Amino acid sequence: MYENLPVPRHLRKLFDEFRELVFWLREYRRKNWGRVDPVGELFFDRQEKSERLGFPASVALYDSVFLCGNVELGENIFIGQGCQLDGSGGLKVGKGTTIASGAKILTHDSIRKTLSGGKLEIERSPVSIGECCFIGMNAIITKGVTIGDHAVVGAGAVVTHDVPAYGIVAGVPAKCIGVVDKDTFALKYGKTELTE
């Protein structure tokens, strides 16, 4: 298939060598870590990207993570592949938090601007995520939301309201479905209030 690709003649050798390098890197990672990653992830170290962007070296920030605006990240944060972190309205993530692959955190929307035919402005409002939170795969957090420390956002949840510390939310729109035990950190489903 690629032998017949109309790559300019002066680039053909480079193109073929690059493809060989990608295949070699993929096989190396598969053998050593059981992973087959997209091309960008093969060439860039997660911690190096963080440092070069001015974040703590302990932040794992995949190459495929989209960032814009004012994003503040604490230490020991993991941000999975394909996440979108919109800091155009201000975004702060506390230390020790995990944001699983595909999650999207939005600090703006253009709904009213669009509905008004451009008469109104884009609306922006900051998002704050506390320390030691878990944001599940493909979750969406909308503008103006505050998530308390040690909270859990379930996979695929759409969070439109604040989440209390130690709360567990899930669903569309997200609702409280449990709490995190403050002593054991066990997830207790069905309980919706924290007990001291």
N, C-alpha and C. Protein backbone atom coordinates (compact mmCIF):
# COMPACT_ATOMS: atom_id res chain seq x y z
N MET A 1 0.83 -1.19 0.00
CA MET A 1 0.00 0.00 0.00
C MET A 1 0.87 1.26 0.00
N TYR A 2 1.84 1.34 0.94
CA TYR A 2 2.65 2.55 1.02
C TYR A 2 3.76 2.58 -0.02
N GLU A 3 4.06 1.45 -0.65
CA GLU A 3 5.07 1.45 -1.70
C GLU A 3 4.62 2.33 -2.86
N ASN A 4 3.31 2.41 -3.09
CA ASN A 4 2.77 3.19 -4.20
C ASN A 4 2.32 4.59 -3.78
N LEU A 5 2.50 4.93 -2.51
CA LEU A 5 2.14 6.26 -2.04
C LEU A 5 3.04 7.29 -2.73
N PRO A 6 2.46 8.36 -3.28
CA PRO A 6 3.27 9.31 -4.06
C PRO A 6 4.10 10.25 -3.18
N VAL A 7 4.99 9.66 -2.35
CA VAL A 7 5.89 10.46 -1.53
C VAL A 7 6.94 11.08 -2.46
N PRO A 8 7.24 12.39 -2.33
CA PRO A 8 8.28 12.98 -3.17
C PRO A 8 9.58 12.19 -3.07
N ARG A 9 10.25 12.03 -4.19
CA ARG A 9 11.42 11.16 -4.28
C ARG A 9 12.49 11.52 -3.25
N HIS A 10 12.71 12.82 -3.02
CA HIS A 10 13.75 13.22 -2.07
C HIS A 10 13.37 12.91 -0.62
N LEU A 11 12.11 12.56 -0.36
CA LEU A 11 11.67 12.23 0.99
C LEU A 11 11.41 10.73 1.18
N ARG A 12 11.46 9.96 0.11
CA ARG A 12 11.11 8.54 0.18
C ARG A 12 11.96 7.79 1.21
N LYS A 13 13.29 7.98 1.20
CA LYS A 13 14.15 7.25 2.14
C LYS A 13 13.81 7.64 3.59
N LEU A 14 13.65 8.94 3.83
CA LEU A 14 13.28 9.41 5.16
C LEU A 14 11.94 8.82 5.59
N PHE A 15 10.96 8.81 4.69
CA PHE A 15 9.64 8.26 4.97
C PHE A 15 9.74 6.79 5.36
N ASP A 16 10.47 6.00 4.58
CA ASP A 16 10.62 4.57 4.86
C ASP A 16 11.36 4.33 6.16
N GLU A 17 12.42 5.11 6.43
CA GLU A 17 13.18 4.94 7.68
C GLU A 17 12.35 5.34 8.89
N PHE A 18 11.56 6.37 8.74
CA PHE A 18 10.69 6.79 9.84
C PHE A 18 9.68 5.69 10.17
N ARG A 19 9.08 5.11 9.16
CA ARG A 19 8.13 4.02 9.38
C ARG A 19 8.80 2.85 10.08
N GLU A 20 10.01 2.50 9.67
CA GLU A 20 10.74 1.42 10.32
C GLU A 20 11.01 1.74 11.79
N LEU A 21 11.37 2.99 12.06
CA LEU A 21 11.60 3.40 13.45
C LEU A 21 10.32 3.26 14.27
N VAL A 22 9.20 3.68 13.72
CA VAL A 22 7.92 3.55 14.43
C VAL A 22 7.61 2.09 14.72
N PHE A 23 7.76 1.22 13.74
CA PHE A 23 7.50 -0.20 13.96
C PHE A 23 8.44 -0.77 15.02
N TRP A 24 9.71 -0.36 14.99
CA TRP A 24 10.68 -0.84 15.98
C TRP A 24 10.29 -0.37 17.38
N LEU A 25 9.95 0.93 17.52
CA LEU A 25 9.56 1.46 18.82
C LEU A 25 8.30 0.78 19.35
N ARG A 26 7.33 0.56 18.48
CA ARG A 26 6.10 -0.12 18.92
C ARG A 26 6.40 -1.53 19.41
N GLU A 27 7.22 -2.25 18.68
CA GLU A 27 7.56 -3.62 19.09
C GLU A 27 8.34 -3.61 20.41
N TYR A 28 9.24 -2.66 20.56
CA TYR A 28 10.01 -2.53 21.80
C TYR A 28 9.08 -2.30 22.99
N ARG A 29 8.15 -1.37 22.85
CA ARG A 29 7.21 -1.08 23.94
C ARG A 29 6.27 -2.26 24.19
N ARG A 30 5.84 -2.92 23.13
CA ARG A 30 4.95 -4.08 23.30
C ARG A 30 5.65 -5.18 24.08
N LYS A 31 6.92 -5.47 23.72
CA LYS A 31 7.67 -6.53 24.41
C LYS A 31 7.96 -6.17 25.86
N ASN A 32 8.30 -4.91 26.12
CA ASN A 32 8.71 -4.51 27.47
C ASN A 32 7.57 -4.12 28.39
N TRP A 33 6.50 -3.57 27.83
CA TRP A 33 5.41 -3.09 28.68
C TRP A 33 4.04 -3.56 28.23
N GLY A 34 3.96 -4.36 27.18
CA GLY A 34 2.67 -4.84 26.71
C GLY A 34 1.78 -3.75 26.16
N ARG A 35 2.39 -2.68 25.61
CA ARG A 35 1.63 -1.54 25.10
C ARG A 35 1.85 -1.36 23.61
N VAL A 36 0.81 -0.92 22.92
CA VAL A 36 0.92 -0.48 21.54
C VAL A 36 0.32 0.93 21.51
N ASP A 37 1.20 1.92 21.43
CA ASP A 37 0.78 3.32 21.56
C ASP A 37 0.71 4.03 20.22
N PRO A 38 -0.08 5.14 20.16
CA PRO A 38 -0.07 5.99 18.98
C PRO A 38 1.34 6.56 18.75
N VAL A 39 1.61 7.00 17.54
CA VAL A 39 2.95 7.43 17.16
C VAL A 39 3.51 8.51 18.09
N GLY A 40 2.73 9.55 18.37
CA GLY A 40 3.25 10.63 19.22
C GLY A 40 3.72 10.17 20.58
N GLU A 41 3.04 9.17 21.14
CA GLU A 41 3.42 8.66 22.46
C GLU A 41 4.74 7.91 22.42
N LEU A 42 5.15 7.43 21.26
CA LEU A 42 6.40 6.68 21.13
C LEU A 42 7.62 7.59 21.25
N PHE A 43 7.47 8.85 20.90
CA PHE A 43 8.61 9.74 20.80
C PHE A 43 8.76 10.70 21.97
N PHE A 44 7.73 10.85 22.79
CA PHE A 44 7.78 11.86 23.83
C PHE A 44 7.49 11.26 25.20
N ASP A 45 8.35 11.57 26.13
CA ASP A 45 8.23 11.10 27.51
C ASP A 45 7.20 11.95 28.25
N ARG A 46 6.35 11.29 29.03
CA ARG A 46 5.27 12.00 29.73
C ARG A 46 5.79 13.05 30.70
N GLN A 47 6.83 12.71 31.47
CA GLN A 47 7.37 13.66 32.44
C GLN A 47 8.14 14.79 31.75
N GLU A 48 8.84 14.46 30.67
CA GLU A 48 9.59 15.49 29.94
C GLU A 48 8.64 16.55 29.39
N LYS A 49 7.50 16.14 28.86
CA LYS A 49 6.51 17.10 28.35
C LYS A 49 6.07 18.03 29.48
N SER A 50 5.81 17.45 30.67
CA SER A 50 5.39 18.26 31.81
C SER A 50 6.43 19.30 32.18
N GLU A 51 7.67 18.86 32.28
CA GLU A 51 8.74 19.79 32.67
C GLU A 51 8.91 20.91 31.64
N ARG A 52 8.87 20.54 30.36
CA ARG A 52 9.06 21.55 29.32
C ARG A 52 7.93 22.57 29.29
N LEU A 53 6.76 22.17 29.77
CA LEU A 53 5.63 23.09 29.83
C LEU A 53 5.57 23.84 31.17
N GLY A 54 6.52 23.56 32.06
CA GLY A 54 6.57 24.26 33.34
C GLY A 54 5.78 23.63 34.46
N PHE A 55 5.30 22.41 34.27
CA PHE A 55 4.58 21.69 35.32
C PHE A 55 5.58 20.89 36.15
N PRO A 56 5.19 20.43 37.33
CA PRO A 56 6.10 19.58 38.12
C PRO A 56 6.51 18.33 37.34
N ALA A 57 7.75 17.90 37.56
CA ALA A 57 8.28 16.71 36.86
C ALA A 57 7.50 15.45 37.20
N SER A 58 6.79 15.45 38.33
CA SER A 58 6.03 14.27 38.75
C SER A 58 4.68 14.15 38.05
N VAL A 59 4.36 15.07 37.15
CA VAL A 59 3.11 15.02 36.40
C VAL A 59 3.33 14.16 35.16
N ALA A 60 2.48 13.16 34.97
CA ALA A 60 2.52 12.33 33.76
C ALA A 60 1.51 12.91 32.78
N LEU A 61 2.02 13.45 31.67
CA LEU A 61 1.19 14.18 30.73
C LEU A 61 1.46 13.63 29.33
N TYR A 62 0.57 12.77 28.86
CA TYR A 62 0.76 12.14 27.55
C TYR A 62 0.84 13.19 26.43
N ASP A 63 1.52 12.84 25.35
CA ASP A 63 1.66 13.73 24.22
C ASP A 63 0.31 14.07 23.60
N SER A 64 -0.65 13.16 23.65
CA SER A 64 -1.96 13.37 23.03
C SER A 64 -2.90 14.21 23.88
N VAL A 65 -2.44 14.70 25.03
CA VAL A 65 -3.27 15.56 25.87
C VAL A 65 -3.30 16.97 25.27
N PHE A 66 -4.52 17.50 25.10
CA PHE A 66 -4.71 18.85 24.59
C PHE A 66 -4.81 19.80 25.78
N LEU A 67 -4.03 20.87 25.73
CA LEU A 67 -4.05 21.90 26.77
C LEU A 67 -4.26 23.26 26.14
N CYS A 68 -5.05 24.12 26.80
CA CYS A 68 -5.13 25.51 26.37
C CYS A 68 -5.43 26.38 27.58
N GLY A 69 -5.03 27.63 27.50
CA GLY A 69 -5.33 28.58 28.55
C GLY A 69 -4.50 28.39 29.80
N ASN A 70 -5.07 28.82 30.93
CA ASN A 70 -4.38 28.81 32.22
C ASN A 70 -4.68 27.51 32.97
N VAL A 71 -3.76 26.54 32.86
CA VAL A 71 -3.91 25.25 33.53
C VAL A 71 -2.85 25.15 34.61
N GLU A 72 -3.29 24.93 35.85
CA GLU A 72 -2.38 24.74 36.98
C GLU A 72 -2.47 23.29 37.44
N LEU A 73 -1.32 22.62 37.49
CA LEU A 73 -1.29 21.21 37.90
C LEU A 73 -0.39 21.05 39.11
N GLY A 74 -0.90 20.37 40.15
CA GLY A 74 -0.09 20.06 41.31
C GLY A 74 0.82 18.88 41.04
N GLU A 75 1.51 18.41 42.04
CA GLU A 75 2.46 17.30 41.89
C GLU A 75 1.74 15.95 41.84
N ASN A 76 2.44 14.97 41.28
CA ASN A 76 1.99 13.57 41.25
C ASN A 76 0.60 13.41 40.62
N ILE A 77 0.41 14.05 39.49
CA ILE A 77 -0.85 13.95 38.75
C ILE A 77 -0.62 13.06 37.54
N PHE A 78 -1.60 12.22 37.23
CA PHE A 78 -1.58 11.40 36.02
C PHE A 78 -2.70 11.87 35.12
N ILE A 79 -2.36 12.19 33.86
CA ILE A 79 -3.36 12.60 32.88
C ILE A 79 -3.23 11.67 31.68
N GLY A 80 -4.26 10.88 31.42
CA GLY A 80 -4.24 9.84 30.41
C GLY A 80 -4.32 10.35 28.98
N GLN A 81 -4.16 9.42 28.06
CA GLN A 81 -4.16 9.72 26.64
C GLN A 81 -5.48 10.34 26.20
N GLY A 82 -5.38 11.30 25.29
CA GLY A 82 -6.56 11.89 24.67
C GLY A 82 -7.39 12.80 25.55
N CYS A 83 -6.87 13.23 26.69
CA CYS A 83 -7.62 14.15 27.54
C CYS A 83 -7.58 15.56 26.95
N GLN A 84 -8.59 16.36 27.30
CA GLN A 84 -8.62 17.77 26.92
C GLN A 84 -8.77 18.60 28.18
N LEU A 85 -7.80 19.47 28.40
CA LEU A 85 -7.82 20.36 29.56
C LEU A 85 -7.92 21.79 29.07
N ASP A 86 -9.11 22.36 29.19
CA ASP A 86 -9.38 23.72 28.73
C ASP A 86 -9.23 24.65 29.93
N GLY A 87 -8.18 25.44 29.91
CA GLY A 87 -7.96 26.40 30.99
C GLY A 87 -8.29 27.81 30.57
N SER A 88 -9.07 27.99 29.51
CA SER A 88 -9.36 29.35 29.03
C SER A 88 -10.13 30.17 30.07
N GLY A 89 -10.82 29.48 30.98
CA GLY A 89 -11.52 30.16 32.07
C GLY A 89 -10.82 29.94 33.40
N GLY A 90 -9.68 29.23 33.39
CA GLY A 90 -8.92 28.92 34.60
C GLY A 90 -9.21 27.51 35.07
N LEU A 91 -8.17 26.70 35.17
CA LEU A 91 -8.31 25.31 35.61
C LEU A 91 -7.20 24.98 36.59
N LYS A 92 -7.60 24.46 37.75
CA LYS A 92 -6.63 24.06 38.77
C LYS A 92 -6.92 22.62 39.16
N VAL A 93 -5.85 21.77 39.14
CA VAL A 93 -5.97 20.37 39.52
C VAL A 93 -5.01 20.12 40.68
N GLY A 94 -5.55 19.60 41.79
CA GLY A 94 -4.75 19.36 42.98
C GLY A 94 -3.85 18.15 42.88
N LYS A 95 -2.86 18.12 43.74
CA LYS A 95 -1.85 17.05 43.71
C LYS A 95 -2.49 15.67 43.93
N GLY A 96 -1.84 14.66 43.34
CA GLY A 96 -2.25 13.28 43.54
C GLY A 96 -3.49 12.86 42.78
N THR A 97 -3.97 13.67 41.86
CA THR A 97 -5.20 13.37 41.12
C THR A 97 -4.89 12.57 39.86
N THR A 98 -5.81 11.68 39.50
CA THR A 98 -5.75 10.95 38.23
C THR A 98 -6.90 11.40 37.35
N ILE A 99 -6.56 11.73 36.10
CA ILE A 99 -7.57 12.05 35.09
C ILE A 99 -7.40 11.00 34.01
N ALA A 100 -8.34 10.06 33.94
CA ALA A 100 -8.21 8.91 33.04
C ALA A 100 -8.40 9.31 31.58
N SER A 101 -7.97 8.42 30.70
CA SER A 101 -7.97 8.67 29.26
C SER A 101 -9.31 9.18 28.75
N GLY A 102 -9.23 10.16 27.86
CA GLY A 102 -10.41 10.67 27.18
C GLY A 102 -11.24 11.67 27.96
N ALA A 103 -10.88 11.95 29.21
CA ALA A 103 -11.66 12.91 29.99
C ALA A 103 -11.52 14.32 29.41
N LYS A 104 -12.57 15.11 29.58
CA LYS A 104 -12.57 16.47 29.07
C LYS A 104 -13.01 17.41 30.18
N ILE A 105 -12.20 18.43 30.40
CA ILE A 105 -12.52 19.43 31.41
C ILE A 105 -12.64 20.77 30.70
N LEU A 106 -13.83 21.35 30.77
CA LEU A 106 -14.15 22.56 30.02
C LEU A 106 -14.36 23.74 30.96
N THR A 107 -13.76 24.88 30.62
CA THR A 107 -13.97 26.09 31.42
C THR A 107 -14.66 27.18 30.61
N HIS A 108 -15.16 26.81 29.45
CA HIS A 108 -15.92 27.77 28.64
C HIS A 108 -16.98 27.02 27.84
N ASP A 109 -17.96 27.77 27.36
CA ASP A 109 -18.86 27.24 26.34
C ASP A 109 -19.35 28.39 25.48
N SER A 110 -19.77 28.06 24.27
CA SER A 110 -20.24 29.09 23.33
C SER A 110 -21.73 28.93 23.04
N ILE A 111 -22.46 28.29 23.95
CA ILE A 111 -23.87 28.02 23.72
C ILE A 111 -24.67 29.31 23.52
N ARG A 112 -24.60 30.21 24.48
CA ARG A 112 -25.40 31.43 24.39
C ARG A 112 -24.91 32.34 23.27
N LYS A 113 -23.60 32.33 23.01
CA LYS A 113 -23.08 33.10 21.88
C LYS A 113 -23.69 32.60 20.57
N THR A 114 -23.74 31.27 20.43
CA THR A 114 -24.30 30.69 19.22
C THR A 114 -25.80 30.96 19.11
N LEU A 115 -26.54 30.73 20.20
CA LEU A 115 -27.99 30.93 20.18
C LEU A 115 -28.37 32.38 19.93
N SER A 116 -27.52 33.31 20.34
CA SER A 116 -27.81 34.74 20.14
C SER A 116 -27.33 35.26 18.79
N GLY A 117 -26.81 34.36 17.97
CA GLY A 117 -26.30 34.80 16.68
C GLY A 117 -25.04 35.63 16.81
N GLY A 118 -24.29 35.40 17.87
CA GLY A 118 -23.03 36.11 18.08
C GLY A 118 -23.16 37.40 18.86
N LYS A 119 -24.37 37.73 19.33
CA LYS A 119 -24.56 38.96 20.09
C LYS A 119 -23.96 38.86 21.49
N LEU A 120 -23.97 37.66 22.06
CA LEU A 120 -23.41 37.45 23.39
C LEU A 120 -22.01 36.84 23.26
N GLU A 121 -21.24 37.00 24.32
CA GLU A 121 -19.86 36.51 24.33
C GLU A 121 -19.80 35.05 24.77
N ILE A 122 -18.66 34.41 24.50
CA ILE A 122 -18.36 33.09 25.06
C ILE A 122 -18.33 33.23 26.57
N GLU A 123 -18.94 32.28 27.27
CA GLU A 123 -18.96 32.32 28.73
C GLU A 123 -17.83 31.46 29.28
N ARG A 124 -17.11 32.00 30.27
CA ARG A 124 -16.00 31.29 30.89
C ARG A 124 -16.17 31.31 32.41
N SER A 125 -15.80 30.20 33.03
CA SER A 125 -15.86 30.10 34.48
C SER A 125 -14.87 29.02 34.92
N PRO A 126 -14.09 29.27 35.98
CA PRO A 126 -13.03 28.34 36.35
C PRO A 126 -13.55 27.00 36.87
N VAL A 127 -12.70 25.99 36.72
CA VAL A 127 -12.93 24.66 37.29
C VAL A 127 -11.82 24.38 38.27
N SER A 128 -12.17 23.83 39.41
CA SER A 128 -11.19 23.44 40.42
C SER A 128 -11.42 21.98 40.79
N ILE A 129 -10.36 21.18 40.69
CA ILE A 129 -10.41 19.77 41.09
C ILE A 129 -9.46 19.62 42.26
N GLY A 130 -9.96 19.03 43.34
CA GLY A 130 -9.18 18.92 44.56
C GLY A 130 -8.05 17.92 44.49
N GLU A 131 -7.46 17.65 45.64
CA GLU A 131 -6.35 16.71 45.74
C GLU A 131 -6.87 15.28 45.79
N CYS A 132 -6.07 14.37 45.23
CA CYS A 132 -6.32 12.93 45.30
C CYS A 132 -7.70 12.53 44.78
N CYS A 133 -8.12 13.16 43.69
CA CYS A 133 -9.39 12.82 43.05
C CYS A 133 -9.15 11.81 41.94
N PHE A 134 -10.21 11.09 41.58
CA PHE A 134 -10.15 10.18 40.43
C PHE A 134 -11.24 10.61 39.46
N ILE A 135 -10.82 11.01 38.26
CA ILE A 135 -11.75 11.39 37.20
C ILE A 135 -11.74 10.25 36.20
N GLY A 136 -12.87 9.58 36.02
CA GLY A 136 -12.95 8.38 35.19
C GLY A 136 -12.82 8.65 33.71
N MET A 137 -12.59 7.56 32.99
CA MET A 137 -12.40 7.61 31.54
C MET A 137 -13.60 8.25 30.85
N ASN A 138 -13.31 9.17 29.93
CA ASN A 138 -14.32 9.86 29.11
C ASN A 138 -15.31 10.70 29.89
N ALA A 139 -14.99 11.03 31.13
CA ALA A 139 -15.85 11.93 31.90
C ALA A 139 -15.74 13.34 31.32
N ILE A 140 -16.80 14.12 31.50
CA ILE A 140 -16.81 15.52 31.07
C ILE A 140 -17.17 16.37 32.28
N ILE A 141 -16.34 17.38 32.53
CA ILE A 141 -16.60 18.32 33.62
C ILE A 141 -16.81 19.68 32.97
N THR A 142 -17.95 20.30 33.24
CA THR A 142 -18.30 21.56 32.59
C THR A 142 -17.84 22.76 33.41
N LYS A 143 -17.90 23.92 32.77
CA LYS A 143 -17.40 25.16 33.36
C LYS A 143 -18.04 25.44 34.72
N GLY A 144 -17.23 26.05 35.60
CA GLY A 144 -17.73 26.50 36.89
C GLY A 144 -17.84 25.45 37.97
N VAL A 145 -17.43 24.22 37.70
CA VAL A 145 -17.57 23.12 38.66
C VAL A 145 -16.37 23.07 39.61
N THR A 146 -16.66 22.79 40.87
CA THR A 146 -15.62 22.54 41.86
C THR A 146 -15.79 21.11 42.35
N ILE A 147 -14.70 20.37 42.35
CA ILE A 147 -14.71 18.99 42.83
C ILE A 147 -13.82 18.94 44.06
N GLY A 148 -14.39 18.46 45.18
CA GLY A 148 -13.67 18.43 46.44
C GLY A 148 -12.60 17.33 46.48
N ASP A 149 -11.75 17.39 47.48
CA ASP A 149 -10.68 16.42 47.67
C ASP A 149 -11.23 14.99 47.78
N HIS A 150 -10.48 14.02 47.27
CA HIS A 150 -10.76 12.59 47.40
C HIS A 150 -12.11 12.18 46.79
N ALA A 151 -12.55 12.95 45.80
CA ALA A 151 -13.83 12.62 45.14
C ALA A 151 -13.57 11.71 43.94
N VAL A 152 -14.63 11.01 43.52
CA VAL A 152 -14.58 10.11 42.37
C VAL A 152 -15.64 10.54 41.38
N VAL A 153 -15.23 10.70 40.11
CA VAL A 153 -16.16 10.96 39.02
C VAL A 153 -16.14 9.72 38.14
N GLY A 154 -17.28 9.07 37.98
CA GLY A 154 -17.36 7.82 37.23
C GLY A 154 -17.09 8.00 35.75
N ALA A 155 -16.70 6.92 35.12
CA ALA A 155 -16.43 6.91 33.68
C ALA A 155 -17.66 7.37 32.91
N GLY A 156 -17.46 8.26 31.95
CA GLY A 156 -18.55 8.73 31.10
C GLY A 156 -19.51 9.71 31.76
N ALA A 157 -19.25 10.10 33.00
CA ALA A 157 -20.14 11.04 33.68
C ALA A 157 -20.05 12.42 33.05
N VAL A 158 -21.14 13.17 33.13
CA VAL A 158 -21.15 14.57 32.70
C VAL A 158 -21.46 15.39 33.96
N VAL A 159 -20.44 16.07 34.45
CA VAL A 159 -20.54 16.78 35.73
C VAL A 159 -20.87 18.24 35.46
N THR A 160 -22.05 18.66 35.91
CA THR A 160 -22.51 20.03 35.69
C THR A 160 -22.66 20.81 37.01
N HIS A 161 -22.49 20.12 38.14
CA HIS A 161 -22.61 20.75 39.46
C HIS A 161 -21.45 20.33 40.33
N ASP A 162 -21.22 21.08 41.39
CA ASP A 162 -20.12 20.79 42.31
C ASP A 162 -20.23 19.39 42.90
N VAL A 163 -19.07 18.81 43.20
CA VAL A 163 -19.00 17.49 43.82
C VAL A 163 -18.31 17.68 45.17
N PRO A 164 -18.94 17.22 46.26
CA PRO A 164 -18.33 17.42 47.58
C PRO A 164 -17.10 16.53 47.77
N ALA A 165 -16.25 16.92 48.69
CA ALA A 165 -15.11 16.09 49.05
C ALA A 165 -15.62 14.70 49.45
N TYR A 166 -14.92 13.67 49.03
CA TYR A 166 -15.24 12.26 49.32
C TYR A 166 -16.54 11.79 48.66
N GLY A 167 -17.08 12.57 47.74
CA GLY A 167 -18.28 12.16 47.03
C GLY A 167 -17.95 11.28 45.83
N ILE A 168 -18.90 10.43 45.45
CA ILE A 168 -18.79 9.62 44.24
C ILE A 168 -19.98 9.99 43.37
N VAL A 169 -19.69 10.44 42.14
CA VAL A 169 -20.77 10.80 41.22
C VAL A 169 -20.61 10.01 39.93
N ALA A 170 -21.75 9.77 39.28
CA ALA A 170 -21.76 9.06 38.00
C ALA A 170 -23.04 9.42 37.26
N GLY A 171 -23.06 9.14 35.95
CA GLY A 171 -24.26 9.33 35.16
C GLY A 171 -24.27 10.60 34.34
N VAL A 172 -25.36 10.75 33.58
CA VAL A 172 -25.55 11.91 32.71
C VAL A 172 -26.94 12.46 32.97
N PRO A 173 -27.09 13.60 33.61
CA PRO A 173 -26.03 14.34 34.29
C PRO A 173 -25.60 13.60 35.55
N ALA A 174 -24.39 13.89 36.01
CA ALA A 174 -23.84 13.17 37.17
C ALA A 174 -24.64 13.46 38.43
N LYS A 175 -24.85 12.37 39.18
CA LYS A 175 -25.54 12.47 40.48
C LYS A 175 -24.72 11.70 41.50
N CYS A 176 -24.89 12.05 42.76
CA CYS A 176 -24.17 11.36 43.83
C CYS A 176 -24.69 9.93 43.96
N ILE A 177 -23.77 8.97 43.88
CA ILE A 177 -24.16 7.56 44.01
C ILE A 177 -23.45 6.87 45.17
N GLY A 178 -22.63 7.62 45.92
CA GLY A 178 -21.93 7.02 47.04
C GLY A 178 -20.92 7.98 47.63
N VAL A 179 -20.14 7.42 48.57
CA VAL A 179 -19.11 8.21 49.24
C VAL A 179 -17.84 7.37 49.39
N VAL A 180 -16.74 8.08 49.57
CA VAL A 180 -15.46 7.45 49.85
C VAL A 180 -15.27 7.48 51.37
N ASP A 181 -15.01 6.31 51.98
CA ASP A 181 -14.77 6.25 53.41
C ASP A 181 -13.50 7.03 53.74
N LYS A 182 -13.59 7.98 54.69
CA LYS A 182 -12.46 8.84 55.02
C LYS A 182 -11.30 8.11 55.67
N ASP A 183 -11.56 6.97 56.30
CA ASP A 183 -10.51 6.23 56.98
C ASP A 183 -9.88 5.15 56.10
N THR A 184 -10.71 4.41 55.39
CA THR A 184 -10.20 3.27 54.61
C THR A 184 -10.12 3.56 53.10
N PHE A 185 -10.74 4.66 52.68
CA PHE A 185 -10.85 5.04 51.26
C PHE A 185 -11.61 4.00 50.44
N ALA A 186 -12.42 3.18 51.10
CA ALA A 186 -13.30 2.23 50.41
C ALA A 186 -14.44 3.01 49.76
N LEU A 187 -14.89 2.53 48.61
CA LEU A 187 -16.02 3.16 47.92
C LEU A 187 -17.31 2.55 48.44
N LYS A 188 -18.18 3.38 48.97
CA LYS A 188 -19.45 2.92 49.55
C LYS A 188 -20.59 3.44 48.69
N TYR A 189 -21.15 2.55 47.88
CA TYR A 189 -22.21 2.94 46.97
C TYR A 189 -23.56 2.91 47.67
N GLY A 190 -24.46 3.78 47.25
CA GLY A 190 -25.79 3.85 47.83
C GLY A 190 -25.88 4.87 48.95
N LYS A 191 -24.77 5.14 49.63
CA LYS A 191 -24.75 6.18 50.64
C LYS A 191 -24.53 7.50 49.94
N THR A 192 -25.26 8.52 50.34
CA THR A 192 -25.08 9.82 49.71
C THR A 192 -24.66 10.90 50.67
N GLU A 193 -24.46 10.54 51.95
CA GLU A 193 -23.99 11.53 52.92
C GLU A 193 -22.79 10.98 53.66
N LEU A 194 -21.85 11.85 53.91
CA LEU A 194 -20.66 11.46 54.67
C LEU A 194 -20.99 11.44 56.15
N THR A 195 -20.46 10.45 56.85
CA THR A 195 -20.60 10.41 58.30
C THR A 195 -19.22 10.65 58.92
N GLU A 196 -19.20 11.40 59.98
CA GLU A 196 -17.91 11.73 60.63
C GLU A 196 -17.43 10.59 61.48
